[in-house]
C-alpha atoms as a PDB file:
ATOM      1  CA  MET A   1     -19.110  -1.338   4.855  1.00  0.00           C
ATOM      2  CA  ASP A   2     -17.886   2.056   5.981  1.00  0.00           C
ATOM      3  CA  ALA A   3     -15.109   3.869   4.102  1.00  0.00           C
ATOM      4  CA  GLN A   4     -12.348   3.238   6.652  1.00  0.00           C
ATOM      5  CA  ALA A   5     -13.122  -0.495   6.806  1.00  0.00           C
ATOM      6  CA  ARG A   6     -13.110  -0.722   3.001  1.00  0.00           C
ATOM      7  CA  PHE A   7      -9.761   1.103   2.829  1.00  0.00           C
ATOM      8  CA  ASP A   8      -8.304  -1.245   5.459  1.00  0.00           C
ATOM      9  CA  GLU A   9      -9.555  -4.279   3.530  1.00  0.00           C
ATOM     10  CA  ILE A  10      -7.964  -3.039   0.301  1.00  0.00           C
ATOM     11  CA  VAL A  11      -4.688  -2.225   2.059  1.00  0.00           C
ATOM     12  CA  ASP A  12      -4.560  -5.685   3.635  1.00  0.00           C
ATOM     13  CA  ASP A  13      -5.096  -7.202   0.189  1.00  0.00           C
ATOM     14  CA  VAL A  14      -2.396  -5.163  -1.576  1.00  0.00           C
ATOM     15  CA  LEU A  15       0.063  -5.777   1.271  1.00  0.00           C
ATOM     16  CA  ALA A  16      -0.525  -9.529   0.970  1.00  0.00           C
ATOM     17  CA  LYS A  17       0.142  -9.393  -2.789  1.00  0.00           C
ATOM     18  CA  ASN A  18       3.132  -7.028  -2.732  1.00  0.00           C
ATOM     19  CA  GLY A  19       6.033  -7.633  -0.394  1.00  0.00           C
ATOM     20  CA  ASP A  20       7.621  -4.255  -1.154  1.00  0.00           C
ATOM     21  CA  LEU A  21       4.818  -2.148   0.348  1.00  0.00           C
ATOM     22  CA  GLU A  22       4.726  -0.507   3.743  1.00  0.00           C
ATOM     23  CA  LYS A  23       1.636   0.522   5.681  1.00  0.00           C
ATOM     24  CA  THR A  24       2.329   3.870   7.301  1.00  0.00           C
ATOM     25  CA  GLN A  25       0.902   7.172   8.438  1.00  0.00           C
ATOM     26  CA  MET A  26       1.851  10.169   6.314  1.00  0.00           C
ATOM     27  CA  MET A  27       0.491  13.707   6.125  1.00  0.00           C
ATOM     28  CA  GLY A  28      -1.964  12.799   8.863  1.00  0.00           C
ATOM     29  CA  MET A  29      -3.542   9.950   6.943  1.00  0.00           C
ATOM     30  CA  PRO A  30      -3.262   6.169   6.833  1.00  0.00           C
ATOM     31  CA  SER A  31      -1.153   5.413   3.775  1.00  0.00           C
ATOM     32  CA  VAL A  32       0.809   2.879   1.796  1.00  0.00           C
ATOM     33  CA  LYS A  33       4.314   3.520   0.535  1.00  0.00           C
ATOM     34  CA  ARG A  34       6.417   1.729  -2.042  1.00  0.00           C
ATOM     35  CA  ASN A  35      10.168   2.339  -2.003  1.00  0.00           C
ATOM     36  CA  GLY A  36       9.642   5.206   0.436  1.00  0.00           C
ATOM     37  CA  LYS A  37       7.082   6.978  -1.762  1.00  0.00           C
ATOM     38  CA  LEU A  38       3.418   7.407  -0.968  1.00  0.00           C
ATOM     39  CA  VAL A  39       1.098   5.652  -3.447  1.00  0.00           C
ATOM     40  CA  VAL A  40      -2.332   5.475  -1.758  1.00  0.00           C
ATOM     41  CA  GLY A  41      -3.955   6.966   1.286  1.00  0.00           C
ATOM     42  CA  PHE A  42      -7.217   7.571   3.100  1.00  0.00           C
ATOM     43  CA  TRP A  43      -8.541  11.064   3.802  1.00  0.00           C
ATOM     44  CA  LYS A  44     -11.997  11.976   5.137  1.00  0.00           C
ATOM     45  CA  ASP A  45     -13.980   9.053   3.684  1.00  0.00           C
ATOM     46  CA  THR A  46     -12.089   9.154   0.396  1.00  0.00           C
ATOM     47  CA  MET A  47      -9.315   6.972  -0.887  1.00  0.00           C
ATOM     48  CA  VAL A  48      -6.566   8.897  -2.616  1.00  0.00           C
ATOM     49  CA  PHE A  49      -4.364   7.527  -5.371  1.00  0.00           C
ATOM     50  CA  LYS A  50      -1.177   8.726  -7.013  1.00  0.00           C
ATOM     51  CA  LEU A  51      -1.864   8.254 -10.718  1.00  0.00           C
ATOM     52  CA  PRO A  52       1.081   9.590 -12.754  1.00  0.00           C
ATOM     53  CA  ASP A  53      -0.456   8.343 -16.017  1.00  0.00           C
ATOM     54  CA  ALA A  54      -2.556  11.250 -17.323  1.00  0.00           C
ATOM     55  CA  ALA A  55      -5.153   9.050 -19.056  1.00  0.00           C
ATOM     56  CA  ARG A  56      -5.771   6.988 -15.919  1.00  0.00           C
ATOM     57  CA  ARG A  57      -5.908  10.135 -13.817  1.00  0.00           C
ATOM     58  CA  GLU A  58      -8.528  11.641 -16.146  1.00  0.00           C
ATOM     59  CA  GLN A  59     -10.616   8.446 -15.976  1.00  0.00           C
ATOM     60  CA  ALA A  60     -10.552   8.599 -12.180  1.00  0.00           C
ATOM     61  CA  LEU A  61     -11.419  12.309 -12.211  1.00  0.00           C
ATOM     62  CA  ALA A  62     -14.448  11.533 -14.409  1.00  0.00           C
ATOM     63  CA  LEU A  63     -16.061   9.677 -11.484  1.00  0.00           C
ATOM     64  CA  ASP A  64     -18.799  11.723  -9.828  1.00  0.00           C
ATOM     65  CA  GLY A  65     -17.332  13.591  -6.859  1.00  0.00           C
ATOM     66  CA  ALA A  66     -13.707  12.728  -7.626  1.00  0.00           C
ATOM     67  CA  ALA A  67     -11.215  15.590  -7.579  1.00  0.00           C
ATOM     68  CA  LEU A  68      -7.538  16.315  -7.438  1.00  0.00           C
ATOM     69  CA  PHE A  69      -6.400  15.748  -3.860  1.00  0.00           C
ATOM     70  CA  ASP A  70      -6.117  19.037  -1.967  1.00  0.00           C
ATOM     71  CA  PRO A  71      -5.623  18.057   1.681  1.00  0.00           C
ATOM     72  CA  GLY A  72      -5.223  21.638   2.853  1.00  0.00           C
ATOM     73  CA  GLY A  73      -8.265  22.879   0.950  1.00  0.00           C
ATOM     74  CA  ARG A  74      -6.282  25.888  -0.242  1.00  0.00           C
ATOM     75  CA  GLY A  75      -6.636  25.382  -3.966  1.00  0.00           C
ATOM     76  CA  ARG A  76      -3.193  23.803  -4.293  1.00  0.00           C
ATOM     77  CA  PRO A  77      -3.965  20.179  -5.144  1.00  0.00           C
ATOM     78  CA  PHE A  78      -1.360  17.514  -5.690  1.00  0.00           C
ATOM     79  CA  LYS A  79      -1.256  17.277  -9.475  1.00  0.00           C
ATOM     80  CA  GLU A  80      -0.965  13.488  -9.786  1.00  0.00           C
ATOM     81  CA  TRP A  81      -3.270  12.608  -6.891  1.00  0.00           C
ATOM     82  CA  VAL A  82      -6.987  11.852  -7.187  1.00  0.00           C
ATOM     83  CA  ALA A  83      -9.397  11.664  -4.241  1.00  0.00           C
ATOM     84  CA  VAL A  84     -12.222   9.234  -4.985  1.00  0.00           C
ATOM     85  CA  PRO A  85     -15.234   9.319  -2.642  1.00  0.00           C
ATOM     86  CA  HIS A  86     -16.639   6.314  -0.804  1.00  0.00           C
ATOM     87  CA  ARG A  87     -19.611   6.024  -3.167  1.00  0.00           C
ATOM     88  CA  HIS A  88     -17.098   4.631  -5.684  1.00  0.00           C
ATOM     89  CA  ALA A  89     -15.500   2.158  -3.244  1.00  0.00           C
ATOM     90  CA  ASP A  90     -16.158  -0.598  -5.769  1.00  0.00           C
ATOM     91  CA  ARG A  91     -13.571   1.118  -8.008  1.00  0.00           C
ATOM     92  CA  TRP A  92     -10.961   1.562  -5.260  1.00  0.00           C
ATOM     93  CA  PRO A  93      -9.207  -1.826  -5.693  1.00  0.00           C
ATOM     94  CA  ALA A  94      -8.604  -1.261  -9.426  1.00  0.00           C
ATOM     95  CA  LEU A  95      -7.388   2.284  -8.765  1.00  0.00           C
ATOM     96  CA  ALA A  96      -5.063   1.007  -6.046  1.00  0.00           C
ATOM     97  CA  ASP A  97      -3.626  -1.495  -8.531  1.00  0.00           C
ATOM     98  CA  GLN A  98      -3.072   1.322 -11.029  1.00  0.00           C
ATOM     99  CA  ALA A  99      -1.320   3.427  -8.401  1.00  0.00           C
ATOM    100  CA  LEU A 100       0.967   0.490  -7.640  1.00  0.00           C
ATOM    101  CA  GLU A 101       2.003  -0.107 -11.257  1.00  0.00           C
END
């Protein structure tokens, strides 16, 4: 399954489980918001997650190829956001759940 299809599948699942989520487009990417705040998104074959908990963020960053999300590529990443590449798509649902906690 390609990255976009996997993201869409995960989003459909979290929307079905959580009535307070909104599928949207933000910062040029397909996204999900809770209470008006972005929690997950999809950017260039990666799923991005807002992980405010430092320990969970570090676990996500330990995945091969994962990095702090820097959509502009200017060395100014979003400090609580982790971009996890498609090769770890099996981990995306759990990370999405963490971002929604």
